[in-house]
N, C-alpha and C. Protein backbone atom coordinates (compact mmCIF):
# COMPACT_ATOMS: atom_id res chain seq x y z
N THR A 1 0.84 -1.17 0.02
CA THR A 1 0.00 -0.02 0.02
C THR A 1 0.85 1.25 0.02
N VAL A 2 0.30 2.33 -0.42
CA VAL A 2 1.03 3.63 -0.36
C VAL A 2 0.08 4.67 0.15
N ASP A 3 0.61 5.60 0.98
CA ASP A 3 -0.18 6.65 1.59
C ASP A 3 0.72 7.86 1.66
N ILE A 4 0.22 9.03 1.19
CA ILE A 4 0.97 10.27 1.30
C ILE A 4 0.21 11.27 2.12
N THR A 5 0.90 11.89 3.03
CA THR A 5 0.30 12.89 3.91
C THR A 5 1.27 14.10 4.00
N THR A 6 0.74 15.18 4.52
CA THR A 6 1.58 16.33 4.88
C THR A 6 1.00 17.01 6.10
N GLY A 7 1.82 17.69 6.84
CA GLY A 7 1.43 18.43 8.01
C GLY A 7 0.79 19.77 7.67
N ASN A 8 0.99 20.22 6.45
CA ASN A 8 0.53 21.51 6.03
C ASN A 8 -0.78 21.36 5.22
N THR A 9 -1.90 21.77 5.80
CA THR A 9 -3.19 21.63 5.13
C THR A 9 -3.68 22.91 4.46
N ASN A 10 -2.86 23.96 4.53
CA ASN A 10 -3.24 25.23 3.97
C ASN A 10 -2.58 25.42 2.61
N PRO A 11 -3.18 26.20 1.72
CA PRO A 11 -2.49 26.47 0.46
C PRO A 11 -1.16 27.10 0.75
N ILE A 12 -0.12 26.65 0.01
CA ILE A 12 1.20 27.13 0.29
C ILE A 12 1.47 28.49 -0.36
N VAL A 13 2.39 29.20 0.27
CA VAL A 13 2.89 30.48 -0.29
C VAL A 13 4.29 30.41 -0.64
N GLY A 14 4.81 31.30 -1.42
CA GLY A 14 6.22 31.31 -1.84
C GLY A 14 7.13 31.29 -0.56
N GLY A 15 8.11 30.37 -0.60
CA GLY A 15 9.08 30.22 0.42
C GLY A 15 8.66 29.31 1.58
N ALA A 16 7.42 28.84 1.62
CA ALA A 16 6.97 27.96 2.68
C ALA A 16 7.58 26.60 2.60
N ALA A 17 8.06 26.06 3.71
CA ALA A 17 8.64 24.72 3.81
C ALA A 17 7.61 23.81 4.48
N TYR A 18 7.57 22.55 4.02
CA TYR A 18 6.71 21.56 4.61
C TYR A 18 7.23 20.15 4.23
N VAL A 19 6.65 19.12 4.76
CA VAL A 19 7.07 17.76 4.55
C VAL A 19 5.94 16.91 3.99
N TYR A 20 6.31 16.11 2.95
CA TYR A 20 5.49 15.08 2.46
C TYR A 20 5.96 13.80 3.12
N THR A 21 5.06 12.98 3.68
CA THR A 21 5.42 11.70 4.23
C THR A 21 4.73 10.62 3.40
N VAL A 22 5.54 9.81 2.75
CA VAL A 22 5.00 8.71 1.92
C VAL A 22 5.26 7.43 2.70
N THR A 23 4.20 6.69 3.07
CA THR A 23 4.33 5.49 3.78
C THR A 23 4.08 4.31 2.83
N VAL A 24 5.05 3.43 2.72
CA VAL A 24 4.92 2.24 1.94
C VAL A 24 4.85 1.07 2.89
N ALA A 25 3.73 0.28 2.78
CA ALA A 25 3.53 -0.81 3.74
C ALA A 25 3.22 -2.12 2.97
N ASN A 26 3.65 -3.17 3.60
CA ASN A 26 3.30 -4.56 3.11
C ASN A 26 2.48 -5.27 4.14
N PRO A 27 1.14 -5.20 3.98
CA PRO A 27 0.27 -5.88 4.98
C PRO A 27 0.11 -7.37 4.73
N ASP A 28 0.75 -7.87 3.64
CA ASP A 28 0.57 -9.27 3.29
C ASP A 28 1.34 -10.19 4.22
N ALA A 29 1.09 -11.49 4.07
CA ALA A 29 1.73 -12.54 4.92
C ALA A 29 3.06 -12.97 4.25
N VAL A 30 3.33 -12.48 3.05
CA VAL A 30 4.56 -12.85 2.33
C VAL A 30 5.31 -11.58 1.95
N ALA A 31 6.58 -11.67 1.69
CA ALA A 31 7.37 -10.53 1.29
C ALA A 31 6.88 -10.01 -0.08
N ALA A 32 6.98 -8.67 -0.27
CA ALA A 32 6.66 -8.06 -1.57
C ALA A 32 8.03 -7.87 -2.31
N SER A 33 7.98 -8.04 -3.62
CA SER A 33 9.21 -7.96 -4.40
C SER A 33 9.15 -6.85 -5.45
N LEU A 34 10.33 -6.28 -5.70
CA LEU A 34 10.47 -5.29 -6.79
C LEU A 34 9.59 -4.11 -6.60
N LEU A 35 9.78 -3.33 -5.53
CA LEU A 35 8.97 -2.17 -5.21
C LEU A 35 9.68 -0.89 -5.78
N THR A 36 8.91 -0.07 -6.32
CA THR A 36 9.37 1.30 -6.77
C THR A 36 8.39 2.33 -6.35
N MET A 37 8.78 3.27 -5.54
CA MET A 37 7.97 4.44 -5.13
C MET A 37 8.50 5.68 -5.83
N SER A 38 7.57 6.40 -6.54
CA SER A 38 8.01 7.63 -7.17
C SER A 38 7.12 8.79 -6.67
N LEU A 39 7.73 9.90 -6.46
CA LEU A 39 7.06 11.10 -6.01
C LEU A 39 7.55 12.28 -6.85
N PRO A 40 6.90 12.58 -8.00
CA PRO A 40 7.26 13.78 -8.75
C PRO A 40 6.85 15.00 -7.95
N LEU A 41 7.73 15.97 -7.71
CA LEU A 41 7.36 17.12 -6.97
C LEU A 41 6.47 18.04 -7.88
N PRO A 42 5.48 18.68 -7.32
CA PRO A 42 4.69 19.57 -8.16
C PRO A 42 5.49 20.75 -8.67
N PRO A 43 5.05 21.40 -9.77
CA PRO A 43 5.77 22.56 -10.23
C PRO A 43 5.99 23.61 -9.13
N SER A 44 7.15 24.24 -9.17
CA SER A 44 7.51 25.29 -8.19
C SER A 44 7.72 24.77 -6.78
N VAL A 45 7.79 23.45 -6.61
CA VAL A 45 8.15 22.87 -5.33
C VAL A 45 9.53 22.35 -5.44
N LEU A 46 10.38 22.76 -4.45
CA LEU A 46 11.83 22.46 -4.52
C LEU A 46 12.21 21.43 -3.43
N PHE A 47 13.05 20.49 -3.80
CA PHE A 47 13.52 19.48 -2.88
C PHE A 47 14.43 20.06 -1.81
N GLY A 48 14.31 19.52 -0.57
CA GLY A 48 15.19 19.96 0.49
C GLY A 48 15.93 18.85 1.13
N ASN A 49 15.21 17.81 1.58
CA ASN A 49 15.93 16.71 2.32
C ASN A 49 15.02 15.49 2.24
N LEU A 50 15.61 14.32 2.61
CA LEU A 50 14.95 13.07 2.60
C LEU A 50 15.38 12.22 3.75
N GLY A 51 14.42 11.58 4.43
CA GLY A 51 14.78 10.65 5.49
C GLY A 51 13.82 9.45 5.44
N ILE A 52 14.31 8.28 5.88
CA ILE A 52 13.47 7.06 5.86
C ILE A 52 13.48 6.45 7.24
N SER A 53 12.29 6.06 7.72
CA SER A 53 12.21 5.41 9.04
C SER A 53 11.23 4.27 8.92
N GLY A 54 11.15 3.48 9.93
CA GLY A 54 10.18 2.35 10.00
C GLY A 54 10.87 1.02 9.92
N THR A 55 10.11 -0.04 10.12
CA THR A 55 10.64 -1.42 10.19
C THR A 55 11.22 -1.87 8.84
N GLY A 56 10.75 -1.28 7.73
CA GLY A 56 11.29 -1.62 6.43
C GLY A 56 12.19 -0.63 5.80
N ALA A 57 12.69 0.37 6.62
CA ALA A 57 13.49 1.43 6.09
C ALA A 57 14.75 0.91 5.40
N GLY A 58 15.39 -0.03 5.99
CA GLY A 58 16.68 -0.54 5.43
C GLY A 58 16.52 -1.21 4.08
N SER A 59 15.30 -1.49 3.67
CA SER A 59 15.06 -2.18 2.37
C SER A 59 15.19 -1.19 1.22
N PHE A 60 15.01 0.10 1.47
CA PHE A 60 14.92 1.12 0.40
C PHE A 60 16.18 1.83 0.14
N SER A 61 16.42 2.14 -1.15
CA SER A 61 17.48 2.99 -1.61
C SER A 61 16.83 4.08 -2.45
N CYS A 62 17.17 5.37 -2.24
CA CYS A 62 16.47 6.45 -2.87
C CYS A 62 17.42 7.37 -3.64
N SER A 63 16.86 7.98 -4.68
CA SER A 63 17.55 9.04 -5.39
C SER A 63 16.60 10.25 -5.41
N GLN A 64 17.14 11.41 -5.46
CA GLN A 64 16.32 12.63 -5.42
C GLN A 64 17.03 13.74 -6.17
N PRO A 65 16.27 14.75 -6.50
CA PRO A 65 16.93 15.92 -7.17
C PRO A 65 17.89 16.64 -6.29
N PRO A 66 18.79 17.44 -6.85
CA PRO A 66 19.67 18.21 -5.98
C PRO A 66 18.83 19.23 -5.12
N GLN A 67 19.38 19.59 -3.99
CA GLN A 67 18.65 20.53 -3.13
C GLN A 67 18.34 21.79 -3.94
N ALA A 68 17.11 22.36 -3.55
CA ALA A 68 16.65 23.61 -4.13
C ALA A 68 16.29 23.49 -5.57
N THR A 69 16.04 22.25 -6.06
CA THR A 69 15.58 22.04 -7.48
C THR A 69 14.31 21.24 -7.43
N ASN A 70 13.61 21.29 -8.58
CA ASN A 70 12.37 20.50 -8.77
C ASN A 70 12.82 19.13 -9.43
N GLY A 71 12.01 18.17 -9.20
CA GLY A 71 12.32 16.88 -9.82
C GLY A 71 11.52 15.76 -9.19
N GLN A 72 12.06 14.60 -9.19
CA GLN A 72 11.35 13.38 -8.71
C GLN A 72 12.19 12.66 -7.64
N VAL A 73 11.49 12.24 -6.62
CA VAL A 73 12.09 11.31 -5.61
C VAL A 73 11.74 9.91 -6.06
N LEU A 74 12.71 9.04 -6.09
CA LEU A 74 12.53 7.65 -6.49
C LEU A 74 13.14 6.72 -5.50
N CYS A 75 12.40 5.83 -4.92
CA CYS A 75 12.92 4.85 -3.97
C CYS A 75 12.59 3.46 -4.39
N ARG A 76 13.60 2.58 -4.24
CA ARG A 76 13.37 1.21 -4.71
C ARG A 76 13.78 0.21 -3.62
N ALA A 77 13.12 -0.93 -3.65
CA ALA A 77 13.46 -2.02 -2.71
C ALA A 77 13.30 -3.31 -3.51
N VAL A 78 14.29 -4.18 -3.40
CA VAL A 78 14.22 -5.53 -4.01
C VAL A 78 13.12 -6.32 -3.28
N SER A 79 13.03 -6.18 -1.99
CA SER A 79 12.05 -6.89 -1.27
C SER A 79 11.61 -6.14 0.02
N LEU A 80 10.40 -6.27 0.43
CA LEU A 80 9.87 -5.65 1.63
C LEU A 80 9.17 -6.77 2.42
N ALA A 81 9.72 -7.07 3.60
CA ALA A 81 9.21 -8.21 4.42
C ALA A 81 7.73 -8.03 4.79
N ALA A 82 7.04 -9.15 4.95
CA ALA A 82 5.68 -9.16 5.35
C ALA A 82 5.49 -8.41 6.63
N GLY A 83 4.42 -7.56 6.69
CA GLY A 83 4.08 -6.85 7.90
C GLY A 83 4.97 -5.66 8.18
N THR A 84 5.84 -5.25 7.30
CA THR A 84 6.72 -4.11 7.56
C THR A 84 6.30 -2.87 6.74
N SER A 85 6.90 -1.78 7.12
CA SER A 85 6.57 -0.51 6.38
C SER A 85 7.77 0.43 6.47
N ALA A 86 7.79 1.41 5.59
CA ALA A 86 8.81 2.46 5.61
C ALA A 86 8.11 3.82 5.40
N ALA A 87 8.48 4.79 6.15
CA ALA A 87 7.97 6.14 6.06
C ALA A 87 9.05 6.97 5.41
N ILE A 88 8.84 7.50 4.19
CA ILE A 88 9.79 8.31 3.51
C ILE A 88 9.37 9.79 3.65
N ALA A 89 10.16 10.52 4.45
CA ALA A 89 9.84 11.96 4.69
C ALA A 89 10.62 12.82 3.77
N VAL A 90 9.91 13.58 2.91
CA VAL A 90 10.52 14.46 1.92
C VAL A 90 10.21 15.90 2.29
N THR A 91 11.31 16.64 2.73
CA THR A 91 11.12 18.04 3.07
C THR A 91 11.26 18.86 1.80
N VAL A 92 10.34 19.73 1.60
CA VAL A 92 10.30 20.56 0.34
C VAL A 92 10.03 22.04 0.75
N GLN A 93 10.20 22.90 -0.26
CA GLN A 93 9.93 24.30 -0.10
C GLN A 93 9.33 24.86 -1.33
N ALA A 94 8.27 25.68 -1.24
CA ALA A 94 7.72 26.35 -2.39
C ALA A 94 8.75 27.40 -2.84
N ALA A 95 8.92 27.51 -4.18
CA ALA A 95 9.84 28.51 -4.72
C ALA A 95 9.48 29.85 -4.16
N PRO A 96 10.44 30.69 -3.76
CA PRO A 96 10.20 31.99 -3.16
C PRO A 96 9.27 32.88 -3.96
N ASP A 97 9.33 32.81 -5.28
CA ASP A 97 8.58 33.74 -6.10
C ASP A 97 7.25 33.13 -6.62
N VAL A 98 6.83 31.99 -6.05
CA VAL A 98 5.57 31.40 -6.50
C VAL A 98 4.38 31.97 -5.81
N ALA A 99 3.33 32.15 -6.55
CA ALA A 99 2.07 32.71 -6.00
C ALA A 99 1.43 31.65 -5.06
N SER A 100 0.70 32.06 -4.10
CA SER A 100 0.08 31.08 -3.19
C SER A 100 -0.99 30.28 -3.95
N GLY A 101 -1.22 29.05 -3.50
CA GLY A 101 -2.16 28.26 -4.18
C GLY A 101 -2.05 26.82 -3.81
N VAL A 102 -2.92 25.97 -4.29
CA VAL A 102 -2.95 24.58 -3.97
C VAL A 102 -2.13 23.78 -4.99
N ARG A 103 -1.26 22.92 -4.51
CA ARG A 103 -0.46 22.01 -5.32
C ARG A 103 -0.79 20.58 -4.98
N THR A 104 -0.84 19.70 -5.95
CA THR A 104 -1.16 18.28 -5.70
C THR A 104 0.10 17.46 -5.94
N ALA A 105 0.43 16.63 -4.98
CA ALA A 105 1.56 15.66 -5.08
C ALA A 105 0.95 14.31 -5.13
N THR A 106 1.40 13.45 -6.01
CA THR A 106 0.96 12.09 -6.18
C THR A 106 2.05 11.14 -6.07
N ALA A 107 1.95 10.24 -5.05
CA ALA A 107 2.96 9.17 -4.88
C ALA A 107 2.47 7.94 -5.63
N ARG A 108 3.35 7.23 -6.30
CA ARG A 108 3.06 6.05 -7.02
C ARG A 108 3.88 4.89 -6.47
N LEU A 109 3.27 3.77 -6.23
CA LEU A 109 4.02 2.58 -5.82
C LEU A 109 3.70 1.48 -6.82
N THR A 110 4.82 0.93 -7.37
CA THR A 110 4.74 -0.22 -8.28
C THR A 110 5.33 -1.42 -7.62
N VAL A 111 4.59 -2.51 -7.54
CA VAL A 111 5.10 -3.76 -6.95
C VAL A 111 4.91 -4.79 -8.07
N GLY A 112 6.01 -5.20 -8.67
CA GLY A 112 5.93 -6.08 -9.79
C GLY A 112 5.21 -5.34 -10.97
N ASN A 113 4.08 -5.84 -11.40
CA ASN A 113 3.29 -5.21 -12.47
C ASN A 113 2.09 -4.42 -11.96
N THR A 114 1.94 -4.26 -10.64
CA THR A 114 0.80 -3.63 -10.05
C THR A 114 1.18 -2.22 -9.61
N GLU A 115 0.35 -1.23 -9.93
CA GLU A 115 0.59 0.18 -9.48
C GLU A 115 -0.56 0.68 -8.71
N VAL A 116 -0.29 1.38 -7.60
CA VAL A 116 -1.26 2.09 -6.78
C VAL A 116 -0.75 3.50 -6.58
N THR A 117 -1.71 4.39 -6.40
CA THR A 117 -1.35 5.81 -6.17
C THR A 117 -2.15 6.37 -4.99
N ASP A 118 -1.60 7.48 -4.46
CA ASP A 118 -2.31 8.25 -3.51
C ASP A 118 -1.85 9.73 -3.69
N ALA A 119 -2.78 10.67 -3.48
CA ALA A 119 -2.44 12.07 -3.69
C ALA A 119 -2.85 12.90 -2.49
N VAL A 120 -2.15 14.03 -2.34
CA VAL A 120 -2.45 14.99 -1.29
C VAL A 120 -2.30 16.39 -1.90
N GLN A 121 -3.22 17.23 -1.46
CA GLN A 121 -3.17 18.67 -1.89
C GLN A 121 -2.67 19.53 -0.77
N VAL A 122 -1.77 20.48 -1.11
CA VAL A 122 -1.28 21.45 -0.15
C VAL A 122 -1.47 22.81 -0.73
């Protein structure tokens, strides 16, 4: 499963920093194989930092755009044990010159040939 949340529920303004938390979980009784989580950052949202926690955190390896640039966060795991999860915290900032407004971020999780998505608006 994949779930994306943020602590900021208000429309963002230029320069505002906030965190997207993408939780990848395996509720099944067997390990999941070949997982890929992608989080394209919305336009005018700049990458800041990334951290991974949870029982399945060690399973994931991530790549991300350089700091203060837009792009995509991509995390992969060869296997995620049954009943484990990983929370991927992505700290971002709205570009300083961006007008306030709502932006939508969509996290995608692919496990083998199956894809699921979840979205959040900030």
